[in-house]
Amino acid sequence: MKYLATSAAIVLALASTGNAQDASQWAGVYVGLTTASNSGDMTYDPGNDFDLDGNNAGVILGYNFARGPWVFGGEFAYFKGRVQEVGNPNFGYESWSDLKARGGYAFNNVLVYGTLGTTFSTWDEGGSSYDGTGLLYGVGAEYLVTSQVFVGAEYLVRDMKSDWDSNGAELEADVNTISLRVGMKF
């Protein structure tokens, strides 16, 4: 949580130093690719704790609205790859899908934003799969390289839960994700 607070303070400081502008250059549909590094911890009920680590990659699709220097929108992201228990490659997240709202401030060719949404996960345990859901939140920044192409970075925290067995035991995970993104606006 302290990383999120620090990131938010940096984003607000950067936003206040830039010149307010018409953010219409950020409006519209965008698509892109993303790659992510993930770490965190998980707990199997009743209290077996494990560290998580891994990388995944995915696609993003979103839409932004602009009003003055402010940008608001929504995004869908799908990640595929292995985020596994440290020391046990047979247990890990195979994929997750994110639905999130974004709100930010544009100055010059930079957009800084916060995001909040829901994540849907698939946990694989030696061939058995368990679906889960959770809350995600974070911050990000994007830079327009051209009028259509952007690059960016995003920091997300995912708090996920899923049913783990037929006795009602749960699997809980907190995963921190740092993503690099590249995309195109239309």
C-alpha atoms as a PDB file:
ATOM      1  CA  MET A   1       0.000   0.000   0.000  1.00  0.00           C
ATOM      2  CA  LYS A   2       2.898   2.391   0.697  1.00  0.00           C
ATOM      3  CA  TYR A   3       4.059   1.937  -2.923  1.00  0.00           C
ATOM      4  CA  LEU A   4       0.612   2.924  -4.158  1.00  0.00           C
ATOM      5  CA  ALA A   5       0.564   6.035  -1.954  1.00  0.00           C
ATOM      6  CA  THR A   6       4.056   7.038  -3.095  1.00  0.00           C
ATOM      7  CA  SER A   7       3.136   6.475  -6.748  1.00  0.00           C
ATOM      8  CA  ALA A   8      -0.039   8.530  -6.363  1.00  0.00           C
ATOM      9  CA  ALA A   9       1.932  11.392  -4.789  1.00  0.00           C
ATOM     10  CA  ILE A  10       4.420  11.350  -7.679  1.00  0.00           C
ATOM     11  CA  VAL A  11       1.607  11.304 -10.238  1.00  0.00           C
ATOM     12  CA  LEU A  12      -0.118  14.269  -8.587  1.00  0.00           C
ATOM     13  CA  ALA A  13       3.161  16.197  -8.366  1.00  0.00           C
ATOM     14  CA  LEU A  14       3.872  15.597 -12.048  1.00  0.00           C
ATOM     15  CA  ALA A  15       0.363  16.580 -13.021  1.00  0.00           C
ATOM     16  CA  SER A  16       0.580  19.855 -11.114  1.00  0.00           C
ATOM     17  CA  THR A  17       3.869  20.837 -12.823  1.00  0.00           C
ATOM     18  CA  GLY A  18       2.581  20.459 -16.380  1.00  0.00           C
ATOM     19  CA  ASN A  19       0.546  22.853 -18.450  1.00  0.00           C
ATOM     20  CA  ALA A  20      -3.145  22.050 -18.528  1.00  0.00           C
ATOM     21  CA  GLN A  21      -4.322  21.310 -22.024  1.00  0.00           C
ATOM     22  CA  ASP A  22      -7.083  19.937 -24.130  1.00  0.00           C
ATOM     23  CA  ALA A  23      -6.740  16.175 -23.641  1.00  0.00           C
ATOM     24  CA  SER A  24      -8.705  15.310 -26.793  1.00  0.00           C
ATOM     25  CA  GLN A  25      -5.580  13.682 -28.257  1.00  0.00           C
ATOM     26  CA  TRP A  26      -6.170  10.868 -25.716  1.00  0.00           C
ATOM     27  CA  ALA A  27      -9.857  10.348 -26.630  1.00  0.00           C
ATOM     28  CA  GLY A  28     -11.103   7.331 -28.548  1.00  0.00           C
ATOM     29  CA  VAL A  29     -10.464   3.622 -28.955  1.00  0.00           C
ATOM     30  CA  TYR A  30      -7.041   2.146 -28.267  1.00  0.00           C
ATOM     31  CA  VAL A  31      -5.510  -1.331 -28.495  1.00  0.00           C
ATOM     32  CA  GLY A  32      -2.142  -2.611 -27.421  1.00  0.00           C
ATOM     33  CA  LEU A  33       0.196  -5.214 -26.006  1.00  0.00           C
ATOM     34  CA  THR A  34       1.525  -5.501 -22.470  1.00  0.00           C
ATOM     35  CA  THR A  35       4.118  -7.520 -20.623  1.00  0.00           C
ATOM     36  CA  ALA A  36       4.177  -7.816 -16.843  1.00  0.00           C
ATOM     37  CA  SER A  37       6.356  -8.872 -13.942  1.00  0.00           C
ATOM     38  CA  ASN A  38       4.392 -10.169 -10.956  1.00  0.00           C
ATOM     39  CA  SER A  39       5.157 -10.972  -7.326  1.00  0.00           C
ATOM     40  CA  GLY A  40       3.065 -11.501  -4.251  1.00  0.00           C
ATOM     41  CA  ASP A  41       1.853 -13.980  -1.702  1.00  0.00           C
ATOM     42  CA  MET A  42      -1.014 -16.373  -1.311  1.00  0.00           C
ATOM     43  CA  THR A  43      -2.735 -18.320   1.439  1.00  0.00           C
ATOM     44  CA  TYR A  44      -4.552 -21.620   1.198  1.00  0.00           C
ATOM     45  CA  ASP A  45      -7.187 -21.900   3.866  1.00  0.00           C
ATOM     46  CA  PRO A  46      -6.399 -22.683   6.761  1.00  0.00           C
ATOM     47  CA  GLY A  47      -3.201 -20.614   6.673  1.00  0.00           C
ATOM     48  CA  ASN A  48      -0.632 -22.248   4.392  1.00  0.00           C
ATOM     49  CA  ASP A  49       1.349 -19.290   2.993  1.00  0.00           C
ATOM     50  CA  PHE A  50       3.414 -19.223  -0.213  1.00  0.00           C
ATOM     51  CA  ASP A  51       5.233 -16.590  -2.278  1.00  0.00           C
ATOM     52  CA  LEU A  52       4.266 -15.989  -5.911  1.00  0.00           C
ATOM     53  CA  ASP A  53       6.481 -14.915  -8.787  1.00  0.00           C
ATOM     54  CA  GLY A  54       6.270 -14.909 -12.574  1.00  0.00           C
ATOM     55  CA  ASN A  55       5.777 -13.086 -15.828  1.00  0.00           C
ATOM     56  CA  ASN A  56       2.909 -12.875 -18.256  1.00  0.00           C
ATOM     57  CA  ALA A  57       1.908 -10.971 -21.360  1.00  0.00           C
ATOM     58  CA  GLY A  58      -1.347  -9.823 -22.806  1.00  0.00           C
ATOM     59  CA  VAL A  59      -3.520  -7.552 -24.858  1.00  0.00           C
ATOM     60  CA  ILE A  60      -5.410  -4.369 -23.931  1.00  0.00           C
ATOM     61  CA  LEU A  61      -8.505  -2.766 -25.434  1.00  0.00           C
ATOM     62  CA  GLY A  62     -10.016   0.459 -24.149  1.00  0.00           C
ATOM     63  CA  TYR A  63     -11.860   3.668 -24.765  1.00  0.00           C
ATOM     64  CA  ASN A  64     -11.111   7.150 -23.377  1.00  0.00           C
ATOM     65  CA  PHE A  65     -13.252  10.275 -23.063  1.00  0.00           C
ATOM     66  CA  ALA A  66     -11.609  13.690 -22.647  1.00  0.00           C
ATOM     67  CA  ARG A  67     -12.914  16.798 -20.917  1.00  0.00           C
ATOM     68  CA  GLY A  68     -10.456  19.663 -20.642  1.00  0.00           C
ATOM     69  CA  PRO A  69      -7.204  18.179 -19.293  1.00  0.00           C
ATOM     70  CA  TRP A  70      -9.058  15.200 -17.744  1.00  0.00           C
ATOM     71  CA  VAL A  71      -9.325  11.736 -19.301  1.00  0.00           C
ATOM     72  CA  PHE A  72     -11.802   9.033 -18.226  1.00  0.00           C
ATOM     73  CA  GLY A  73     -12.452   5.634 -19.695  1.00  0.00           C
ATOM     74  CA  GLY A  74     -12.587   1.894 -19.410  1.00  0.00           C
ATOM     75  CA  GLU A  75     -10.242  -0.919 -20.332  1.00  0.00           C
ATOM     76  CA  PHE A  76     -10.260  -4.687 -20.785  1.00  0.00           C
ATOM     77  CA  ALA A  77      -6.951  -6.549 -20.446  1.00  0.00           C
ATOM     78  CA  TYR A  78      -6.206 -10.255 -20.836  1.00  0.00           C
ATOM     79  CA  PHE A  79      -2.964 -11.780 -19.500  1.00  0.00           C
ATOM     80  CA  LYS A  80      -1.609 -15.257 -20.171  1.00  0.00           C
ATOM     81  CA  GLY A  81       1.515 -16.729 -18.555  1.00  0.00           C
ATOM     82  CA  ARG A  82       2.673 -18.453 -15.401  1.00  0.00           C
ATOM     83  CA  VAL A  83       2.625 -16.655 -12.045  1.00  0.00           C
ATOM     84  CA  GLN A  84       3.482 -19.553  -9.774  1.00  0.00           C
ATOM     85  CA  GLU A  85       4.319 -20.560  -6.262  1.00  0.00           C
ATOM     86  CA  VAL A  86       8.030 -20.020  -5.698  1.00  0.00           C
ATOM     87  CA  GLY A  87       9.646 -23.457  -5.772  1.00  0.00           C
ATOM     88  CA  ASN A  88       6.559 -25.234  -7.118  1.00  0.00           C
ATOM     89  CA  PRO A  89       5.985 -24.717 -10.862  1.00  0.00           C
ATOM     90  CA  ASN A  90       2.933 -27.032 -10.866  1.00  0.00           C
ATOM     91  CA  PHE A  91       0.842 -24.517  -8.894  1.00  0.00           C
ATOM     92  CA  GLY A  92       0.159 -21.097 -10.373  1.00  0.00           C
ATOM     93  CA  TYR A  93      -2.051 -18.570 -12.105  1.00  0.00           C
ATOM     94  CA  GLU A  94      -2.487 -19.373 -15.795  1.00  0.00           C
ATOM     95  CA  SER A  95      -4.392 -16.251 -16.773  1.00  0.00           C
ATOM     96  CA  TRP A  96      -6.399 -13.295 -15.637  1.00  0.00           C
ATOM     97  CA  SER A  97      -8.777 -10.846 -17.238  1.00  0.00           C
ATOM     98  CA  ASP A  98      -9.199  -7.303 -15.976  1.00  0.00           C
ATOM     99  CA  LEU A  99     -12.144  -4.905 -16.353  1.00  0.00           C
ATOM    100  CA  LYS A 100     -11.186  -1.490 -15.040  1.00  0.00           C
ATOM    101  CA  ALA A 101     -12.127   2.162 -15.002  1.00  0.00           C
ATOM    102  CA  ARG A 102      -9.383   4.738 -15.533  1.00  0.00           C
ATOM    103  CA  GLY A 103      -9.278   8.413 -14.698  1.00  0.00           C
ATOM    104  CA  GLY A 104      -6.365  10.741 -15.252  1.00  0.00           C
ATOM    105  CA  TYR A 105      -4.841  14.062 -16.138  1.00  0.00           C
ATOM    106  CA  ALA A 106      -3.063  14.924 -19.401  1.00  0.00           C
ATOM    107  CA  PHE A 107      -0.241  17.408 -19.807  1.00  0.00           C
ATOM    108  CA  ASN A 108       2.004  17.767 -22.821  1.00  0.00           C
ATOM    109  CA  ASN A 109       2.163  14.243 -24.309  1.00  0.00           C
ATOM    110  CA  VAL A 110       1.823  12.510 -20.939  1.00  0.00           C
ATOM    111  CA  LEU A 111      -1.253  10.971 -19.346  1.00  0.00           C
ATOM    112  CA  VAL A 112      -1.091   9.997 -15.661  1.00  0.00           C
ATOM    113  CA  TYR A 113      -3.997   8.016 -14.265  1.00  0.00           C
ATOM    114  CA  GLY A 114      -5.422   5.920 -11.494  1.00  0.00           C
ATOM    115  CA  THR A 115      -7.380   2.749 -12.092  1.00  0.00           C
ATOM    116  CA  LEU A 116      -9.894   0.605 -10.219  1.00  0.00           C
ATOM    117  CA  GLY A 117     -11.624  -2.556 -11.337  1.00  0.00           C
ATOM    118  CA  THR A 118     -12.250  -6.275 -11.132  1.00  0.00           C
ATOM    119  CA  THR A 119      -9.918  -9.117 -12.025  1.00  0.00           C
ATOM    120  CA  PHE A 120     -10.958 -12.647 -12.980  1.00  0.00           C
ATOM    121  CA  SER A 121      -8.333 -15.360 -12.480  1.00  0.00           C
ATOM    122  CA  THR A 122      -7.665 -18.998 -13.310  1.00  0.00           C
ATOM    123  CA  TRP A 123      -5.514 -20.932 -10.827  1.00  0.00           C
ATOM    124  CA  ASP A 124      -3.977 -24.215 -12.046  1.00  0.00           C
ATOM    125  CA  GLU A 125      -2.955 -26.886  -9.576  1.00  0.00           C
ATOM    126  CA  GLY A 126      -1.469 -29.872 -11.341  1.00  0.00           C
ATOM    127  CA  GLY A 127      -4.207 -29.997 -13.969  1.00  0.00           C
ATOM    128  CA  SER A 128      -7.110 -28.883 -11.753  1.00  0.00           C
ATOM    129  CA  SER A 129      -8.362 -25.338 -12.409  1.00  0.00           C
ATOM    130  CA  TYR A 130     -10.076 -22.945 -10.013  1.00  0.00           C
ATOM    131  CA  ASP A 131     -11.692 -19.654 -11.049  1.00  0.00           C
ATOM    132  CA  GLY A 132     -11.518 -16.592  -8.859  1.00  0.00           C
ATOM    133  CA  THR A 133     -12.297 -12.893  -8.740  1.00  0.00           C
ATOM    134  CA  GLY A 134     -10.907  -9.892  -6.974  1.00  0.00           C
ATOM    135  CA  LEU A 135     -10.357  -6.172  -6.718  1.00  0.00           C
ATOM    136  CA  LEU A 136      -7.571  -4.410  -8.585  1.00  0.00           C
ATOM    137  CA  TYR A 137      -6.290  -0.874  -8.196  1.00  0.00           C
ATOM    138  CA  GLY A 138      -3.226   1.044  -9.277  1.00  0.00           C
ATOM    139  CA  VAL A 139      -1.593   3.923 -11.119  1.00  0.00           C
ATOM    140  CA  GLY A 140      -0.021   4.380 -14.522  1.00  0.00           C
ATOM    141  CA  ALA A 141       1.464   6.790 -17.008  1.00  0.00           C
ATOM    142  CA  GLU A 142       1.467   6.825 -20.803  1.00  0.00           C
ATOM    143  CA  TYR A 143       3.415   8.881 -23.315  1.00  0.00           C
ATOM    144  CA  LEU A 144       2.315   9.687 -26.874  1.00  0.00           C
ATOM    145  CA  VAL A 145       5.293   8.885 -29.112  1.00  0.00           C
ATOM    146  CA  THR A 146       3.289   9.980 -32.169  1.00  0.00           C
ATOM    147  CA  SER A 147      -0.277  11.224 -32.494  1.00  0.00           C
ATOM    148  CA  GLN A 148      -1.444   7.570 -32.482  1.00  0.00           C
ATOM    149  CA  VAL A 149       1.265   5.436 -30.796  1.00  0.00           C
ATOM    150  CA  PHE A 150       1.775   5.401 -27.022  1.00  0.00           C
ATOM    151  CA  VAL A 151       4.075   3.659 -24.560  1.00  0.00           C
ATOM    152  CA  GLY A 152       3.448   3.374 -20.848  1.00  0.00           C
ATOM    153  CA  ALA A 153       3.935   1.705 -17.503  1.00  0.00           C
ATOM    154  CA  GLU A 154       1.371   0.606 -14.942  1.00  0.00           C
ATOM    155  CA  TYR A 155       1.524  -0.603 -11.341  1.00  0.00           C
ATOM    156  CA  LEU A 156      -1.422  -2.738 -10.169  1.00  0.00           C
ATOM    157  CA  VAL A 157      -2.347  -4.539  -6.976  1.00  0.00           C
ATOM    158  CA  ARG A 158      -4.677  -7.523  -7.305  1.00  0.00           C
ATOM    159  CA  ASP A 159      -6.516  -8.908  -4.246  1.00  0.00           C
ATOM    160  CA  MET A 160      -7.981 -12.219  -5.420  1.00  0.00           C
ATOM    161  CA  LYS A 161     -10.012 -15.058  -3.906  1.00  0.00           C
ATOM    162  CA  SER A 162     -11.174 -18.358  -5.320  1.00  0.00           C
ATOM    163  CA  ASP A 163     -12.803 -21.544  -4.099  1.00  0.00           C
ATOM    164  CA  TRP A 164     -10.089 -24.101  -3.675  1.00  0.00           C
ATOM    165  CA  ASP A 165     -11.837 -27.353  -2.807  1.00  0.00           C
ATOM    166  CA  SER A 166     -15.289 -28.836  -2.344  1.00  0.00           C
ATOM    167  CA  ASN A 167     -15.112 -28.284   1.445  1.00  0.00           C
ATOM    168  CA  GLY A 168     -15.341 -24.513   1.026  1.00  0.00           C
ATOM    169  CA  ALA A 169     -11.655 -23.745   1.553  1.00  0.00           C
ATOM    170  CA  GLU A 170     -10.439 -20.577  -0.168  1.00  0.00           C
ATOM    171  CA  LEU A 171      -7.288 -19.533  -1.916  1.00  0.00           C
ATOM    172  CA  GLU A 172      -6.422 -15.862  -1.335  1.00  0.00           C
ATOM    173  CA  ALA A 173      -3.676 -13.984  -3.183  1.00  0.00           C
ATOM    174  CA  ASP A 174      -2.237 -10.489  -3.253  1.00  0.00           C
ATOM    175  CA  VAL A 175      -0.282  -9.925  -6.466  1.00  0.00           C
ATOM    176  CA  ASN A 176       1.690  -6.799  -7.370  1.00  0.00           C
ATOM    177  CA  THR A 177       2.129  -6.245 -11.104  1.00  0.00           C
ATOM    178  CA  ILE A 178       4.423  -3.884 -12.974  1.00  0.00           C
ATOM    179  CA  SER A 179       3.485  -3.712 -16.666  1.00  0.00           C
ATOM    180  CA  LEU A 180       5.047  -2.142 -19.722  1.00  0.00           C
ATOM    181  CA  ARG A 181       2.527  -1.224 -22.422  1.00  0.00           C
ATOM    182  CA  VAL A 182       2.595  -0.192 -26.049  1.00  0.00           C
ATOM    183  CA  GLY A 183      -0.451   0.611 -28.111  1.00  0.00           C
ATOM    184  CA  MET A 184      -2.194   2.547 -30.827  1.00  0.00           C
ATOM    185  CA  LYS A 185      -5.101   5.010 -30.640  1.00  0.00           C
ATOM    186  CA  PHE A 186      -7.775   5.200 -33.318  1.00  0.00           C
END
